[in-house]
């Protein structure tokens, strides 16, 4: 969909161009905890992909600090409901034999009629929030 026609003043229509960079697999350590790829203390978008024999599920989120976000998924605190849910899901699917991988997007270009490029820290001035997008696809 490439409709950039005029919108009401309170709406913005734009396109987003970004590239996912594979960061590596998620696994369960010998100690029984999730292990994530080593990613720095940087902001960015992340994609967790769960590959099962017959389907694929995708979770997309954003964080002001990717390393801290993955630490929270590995060791969620008692009040971190989202982190506890993601931890439980990943532990379950990995135990069932699914493959789980992480990719990150650290740069993006937004096209809203006036192109604007965000550098290596695209979320520097934004409050972090998870944006959940789950999609099931064959294989």
Protein backbone atom coordinates (compact mmCIF):
# COMPACT_ATOMS: atom_id res chain seq x y z
CA UNK A 1 0.00 0.00 0.00
CA UNK A 2 1.60 3.24 -1.12
CA UNK A 3 -1.20 5.74 -0.47
CA UNK A 4 0.34 9.01 0.71
CA UNK A 5 -2.77 11.07 -0.08
CA UNK A 6 -3.65 14.00 2.21
CA UNK A 7 -4.87 13.01 5.66
CA UNK A 8 -6.78 14.89 8.35
CA UNK A 9 -4.51 17.10 10.52
CA UNK A 10 -4.45 14.60 13.40
CA UNK A 11 -3.31 11.71 11.19
CA UNK A 12 0.05 11.11 9.56
CA UNK A 13 0.41 8.69 6.67
CA UNK A 14 3.95 7.56 6.13
CA UNK A 15 6.11 4.73 4.88
CA UNK A 16 8.97 3.12 6.77
CA UNK A 17 12.09 1.59 5.28
CA UNK A 18 14.40 -0.44 7.49
CA UNK A 19 16.52 -3.57 7.33
CA UNK A 20 16.53 -6.37 9.89
CA UNK A 21 19.99 -7.60 10.90
CA UNK A 22 20.10 -11.14 12.24
CA UNK A 23 21.56 -11.05 15.76
CA UNK A 24 21.49 -14.77 16.55
CA UNK A 25 19.56 -17.57 18.23
CA UNK A 26 17.83 -17.72 21.59
CA UNK A 27 18.46 -20.90 23.56
CA UNK A 28 18.16 -22.37 27.05
CA UNK A 29 21.43 -22.47 29.00
CA UNK A 30 22.65 -25.44 31.04
CA UNK A 31 21.38 -23.51 34.06
CA UNK A 32 17.86 -23.48 32.62
CA UNK A 33 17.69 -19.80 31.69
CA UNK A 34 17.15 -18.10 28.35
CA UNK A 35 20.29 -17.04 26.49
CA UNK A 36 20.01 -14.15 24.02
CA UNK A 37 22.53 -12.85 21.47
CA UNK A 38 24.96 -10.29 22.90
CA UNK A 39 23.56 -6.92 21.87
CA UNK A 40 24.81 -3.62 23.22
CA UNK A 41 23.16 -1.04 25.45
CA UNK A 42 21.58 0.63 22.43
CA UNK A 43 18.04 1.50 21.35
CA UNK A 44 16.36 -0.23 18.46
CA UNK A 45 13.57 -2.38 17.16
CA UNK A 46 13.82 -6.11 17.69
CA UNK A 47 12.10 -9.10 16.13
CA UNK A 48 11.83 -12.47 17.83
CA UNK A 49 10.95 -15.23 15.36
CA UNK A 50 9.68 -18.61 16.54
CA UNK A 51 10.02 -21.32 13.88
CA UNK A 52 8.11 -24.53 14.38
CA UNK A 53 7.86 -27.42 11.94
CA UNK A 54 4.60 -26.13 10.46
CA UNK A 55 4.42 -22.44 11.39
CA UNK A 56 6.27 -19.25 12.13
CA UNK A 57 5.37 -16.69 14.80
CA UNK A 58 6.84 -13.18 14.98
CA UNK A 59 7.01 -10.78 17.94
CA UNK A 60 8.18 -7.22 17.26
CA UNK A 61 9.10 -4.72 19.96
CA UNK A 62 11.13 -1.61 20.56
CA UNK A 63 13.44 -0.74 23.41
CA UNK A 64 15.58 2.17 24.53
CA UNK A 65 18.15 -0.42 25.69
CA UNK A 66 18.17 -3.77 23.87
CA UNK A 67 20.55 -5.49 26.30
CA UNK A 68 18.37 -4.56 29.27
CA UNK A 69 15.20 -5.67 27.43
CA UNK A 70 16.65 -9.12 26.74
CA UNK A 71 17.92 -9.35 30.34
CA UNK A 72 14.36 -8.64 31.51
CA UNK A 73 13.05 -11.43 29.28
CA UNK A 74 15.70 -13.79 30.69
CA UNK A 75 15.09 -12.81 34.35
CA UNK A 76 11.71 -11.07 34.68
CA UNK A 77 10.88 -9.29 37.90
CA UNK A 78 7.69 -10.12 39.83
CA UNK A 79 5.79 -7.13 38.40
CA UNK A 80 7.04 -7.39 34.79
CA UNK A 81 4.00 -9.09 33.27
CA UNK A 82 5.12 -8.77 29.63
CA UNK A 83 8.62 -10.04 30.43
CA UNK A 84 7.17 -12.99 32.37
CA UNK A 85 4.83 -13.82 29.47
CA UNK A 86 7.63 -13.67 26.86
CA UNK A 87 9.94 -15.72 29.11
CA UNK A 88 7.28 -18.37 29.58
CA UNK A 89 6.47 -18.52 25.87
CA UNK A 90 10.11 -18.81 24.79
CA UNK A 91 10.93 -21.43 27.43
CA UNK A 92 7.90 -23.47 26.31
CA UNK A 93 8.54 -23.34 22.56
CA UNK A 94 12.27 -24.03 22.95
CA UNK A 95 11.50 -27.06 25.15
CA UNK A 96 9.14 -28.26 22.40
CA UNK A 97 11.94 -28.07 19.83
CA UNK A 98 11.17 -24.78 18.08
CA UNK A 99 13.97 -22.55 16.78
CA UNK A 100 13.97 -18.99 18.10
CA UNK A 101 16.01 -16.17 16.60
CA UNK A 102 16.47 -12.44 17.16
CA UNK A 103 16.97 -9.72 14.58
CA UNK A 104 17.39 -5.98 15.18
CA UNK A 105 16.81 -2.82 13.17
CA UNK A 106 19.00 0.08 14.27
CA UNK A 107 18.31 2.50 11.40
CA UNK A 108 15.14 3.55 9.62
CA UNK A 109 13.94 6.03 7.02
CA UNK A 110 10.45 7.49 7.36
CA UNK A 111 8.80 8.83 4.22
CA UNK A 112 5.90 11.17 4.93
CA UNK A 113 6.33 13.27 1.83
CA UNK A 114 9.56 14.65 3.33
CA UNK A 115 12.17 11.93 3.77
CA UNK A 116 13.73 11.73 7.23
CA UNK A 117 16.48 9.32 8.19
CA UNK A 118 17.01 8.09 11.71
CA UNK A 119 20.54 7.05 12.54
CA UNK A 120 21.94 4.34 14.71
CA UNK A 121 19.79 5.39 17.67
CA UNK A 122 16.33 5.85 16.15
CA UNK A 123 14.46 5.73 19.46
CA UNK A 124 16.72 7.98 21.51
CA UNK A 125 13.97 10.49 22.33
CA UNK A 126 11.01 8.14 22.50
CA UNK A 127 9.56 6.34 25.47
CA UNK A 128 9.89 2.60 24.92
CA UNK A 129 6.79 0.54 24.40
CA UNK A 130 6.27 -2.98 23.18
CA UNK A 131 4.43 -3.26 19.92
CA UNK A 132 3.24 -6.79 19.59
CA UNK A 133 2.76 -8.19 16.13
CA UNK A 134 2.21 -11.89 15.97
CA UNK A 135 1.80 -13.60 12.67
CA UNK A 136 1.50 -17.28 11.91
CA UNK A 137 2.69 -18.48 8.55
CA UNK A 138 3.25 -21.90 7.07
CA UNK A 139 6.84 -23.17 7.51
